[in-house]
Amino acid sequence: MSNPADQAIPVQDTATLLLRRQEFTVRAGLTVRAAIEGCGLEPEAFVVTRAGELIADEDVLRPGDRVKLLPVFSGG
């Protein structure tokens, strides 16, 4: 599922956030945190991986990135 606001962005200038069976297309150059917030999600609810490696909220998304949002589970 793409964000309507990002429809006009050339594909080579985008990154994709993957959450379960959903895909969010965002502008490359955003921080991970800004991209997640721009999709209407809470950054604190996820850990994020790129190519199997954890990445931080302040990391910048590169063109063509496909990053996975993994929900954080907690409990007692």
C-alpha atoms as a PDB file:
ATOM      1  CA  MET A   1       0.000   0.000   0.000  1.00  0.00           C
ATOM      2  CA  SER A   2       1.495   3.322  -1.047  1.00  0.00           C
ATOM      3  CA  ASN A   3       0.984   6.714   0.499  1.00  0.00           C
ATOM      4  CA  PRO A   4      -1.140   8.864  -1.841  1.00  0.00           C
ATOM      5  CA  ALA A   5       1.006  11.932  -1.125  1.00  0.00           C
ATOM      6  CA  ASP A   6       4.074  10.128  -2.443  1.00  0.00           C
ATOM      7  CA  GLN A   7       2.528   8.885  -5.713  1.00  0.00           C
ATOM      8  CA  ALA A   8       4.331  11.449  -7.893  1.00  0.00           C
ATOM      9  CA  ILE A   9       7.832  10.675  -6.566  1.00  0.00           C
ATOM     10  CA  PRO A  10      10.013   8.922  -9.175  1.00  0.00           C
ATOM     11  CA  VAL A  11      10.618   5.316  -8.129  1.00  0.00           C
ATOM     12  CA  GLN A  12      14.390   5.778  -8.020  1.00  0.00           C
ATOM     13  CA  ASP A  13      13.886   8.407  -5.289  1.00  0.00           C
ATOM     14  CA  THR A  14      11.865   6.206  -2.957  1.00  0.00           C
ATOM     15  CA  ALA A  15      12.302   3.635  -0.232  1.00  0.00           C
ATOM     16  CA  THR A  16       9.792   1.024   0.912  1.00  0.00           C
ATOM     17  CA  LEU A  17       8.719   0.209   4.463  1.00  0.00           C
ATOM     18  CA  LEU A  18       7.403  -3.335   4.861  1.00  0.00           C
ATOM     19  CA  LEU A  19       4.978  -4.124   7.668  1.00  0.00           C
ATOM     20  CA  ARG A  20       3.454  -7.575   7.569  1.00  0.00           C
ATOM     21  CA  ARG A  21       1.633  -7.603   4.214  1.00  0.00           C
ATOM     22  CA  GLN A  22       1.603  -3.825   3.801  1.00  0.00           C
ATOM     23  CA  GLU A  23       4.090  -1.723   1.854  1.00  0.00           C
ATOM     24  CA  PHE A  24       4.531   2.011   2.380  1.00  0.00           C
ATOM     25  CA  THR A  25       6.401   3.964  -0.284  1.00  0.00           C
ATOM     26  CA  VAL A  26       8.257   6.941   1.174  1.00  0.00           C
ATOM     27  CA  ARG A  27      10.722   9.546  -0.015  1.00  0.00           C
ATOM     28  CA  ALA A  28      14.374   8.482   0.176  1.00  0.00           C
ATOM     29  CA  GLY A  29      16.437  10.858   2.316  1.00  0.00           C
ATOM     30  CA  LEU A  30      14.048  10.771   5.268  1.00  0.00           C
ATOM     31  CA  THR A  31      15.175   9.403   8.600  1.00  0.00           C
ATOM     32  CA  VAL A  32      13.633   6.108   9.592  1.00  0.00           C
ATOM     33  CA  ARG A  33      11.686   7.908  12.336  1.00  0.00           C
ATOM     34  CA  ALA A  34      10.294  10.549   9.966  1.00  0.00           C
ATOM     35  CA  ALA A  35       9.296   7.918   7.417  1.00  0.00           C
ATOM     36  CA  ILE A  36       7.451   5.828  10.016  1.00  0.00           C
ATOM     37  CA  GLU A  37       5.685   8.889  11.420  1.00  0.00           C
ATOM     38  CA  GLY A  38       4.773   9.980   7.885  1.00  0.00           C
ATOM     39  CA  CYS A  39       2.966   6.668   7.434  1.00  0.00           C
ATOM     40  CA  GLY A  40       0.856   7.406  10.515  1.00  0.00           C
ATOM     41  CA  LEU A  41       2.660   4.847  12.673  1.00  0.00           C
ATOM     42  CA  GLU A  42       4.413   5.126  16.037  1.00  0.00           C
ATOM     43  CA  PRO A  43       8.206   4.659  15.696  1.00  0.00           C
ATOM     44  CA  GLU A  44       8.487   3.304  19.250  1.00  0.00           C
ATOM     45  CA  ALA A  45       6.305   0.330  18.264  1.00  0.00           C
ATOM     46  CA  PHE A  46       8.915  -1.111  15.872  1.00  0.00           C
ATOM     47  CA  VAL A  47      12.464  -2.247  15.426  1.00  0.00           C
ATOM     48  CA  VAL A  48      13.653  -1.714  11.872  1.00  0.00           C
ATOM     49  CA  THR A  49      15.948  -3.821   9.725  1.00  0.00           C
ATOM     50  CA  ARG A  50      17.674  -3.236   6.391  1.00  0.00           C
ATOM     51  CA  ALA A  51      19.134  -6.339   4.711  1.00  0.00           C
ATOM     52  CA  GLY A  52      18.758  -8.235   7.989  1.00  0.00           C
ATOM     53  CA  GLU A  53      20.680  -5.647  10.041  1.00  0.00           C
ATOM     54  CA  LEU A  54      19.098  -3.455  12.719  1.00  0.00           C
ATOM     55  CA  ILE A  55      19.050   0.230  11.864  1.00  0.00           C
ATOM     56  CA  ALA A  56      18.421   3.222  14.125  1.00  0.00           C
ATOM     57  CA  ASP A  57      15.680   5.864  14.049  1.00  0.00           C
ATOM     58  CA  GLU A  58      18.159   8.489  12.896  1.00  0.00           C
ATOM     59  CA  ASP A  59      19.472   6.447   9.950  1.00  0.00           C
ATOM     60  CA  VAL A  60      18.599   7.924   6.566  1.00  0.00           C
ATOM     61  CA  LEU A  61      16.687   5.872   4.013  1.00  0.00           C
ATOM     62  CA  ARG A  62      18.477   5.472   0.695  1.00  0.00           C
ATOM     63  CA  PRO A  63      16.874   5.223  -2.743  1.00  0.00           C
ATOM     64  CA  GLY A  64      15.727   1.660  -3.341  1.00  0.00           C
ATOM     65  CA  ASP A  65      15.861   0.659   0.349  1.00  0.00           C
ATOM     66  CA  ARG A  66      13.378  -1.978   1.455  1.00  0.00           C
ATOM     67  CA  VAL A  67      13.247  -1.962   5.249  1.00  0.00           C
ATOM     68  CA  LYS A  68      11.202  -4.197   7.494  1.00  0.00           C
ATOM     69  CA  LEU A  69       9.205  -2.866  10.434  1.00  0.00           C
ATOM     70  CA  LEU A  70       9.094  -5.520  13.133  1.00  0.00           C
ATOM     71  CA  PRO A  71       6.539  -4.940  15.905  1.00  0.00           C
ATOM     72  CA  VAL A  72       7.999  -4.795  19.406  1.00  0.00           C
ATOM     73  CA  PHE A  73       6.345  -7.153  21.842  1.00  0.00           C
ATOM     74  CA  SER A  74       6.566  -6.656  25.575  1.00  0.00           C
ATOM     75  CA  GLY A  75       4.899  -8.093  28.571  1.00  0.00           C
ATOM     76  CA  GLY A  76       5.432  -9.626  31.883  1.00  0.00           C
END
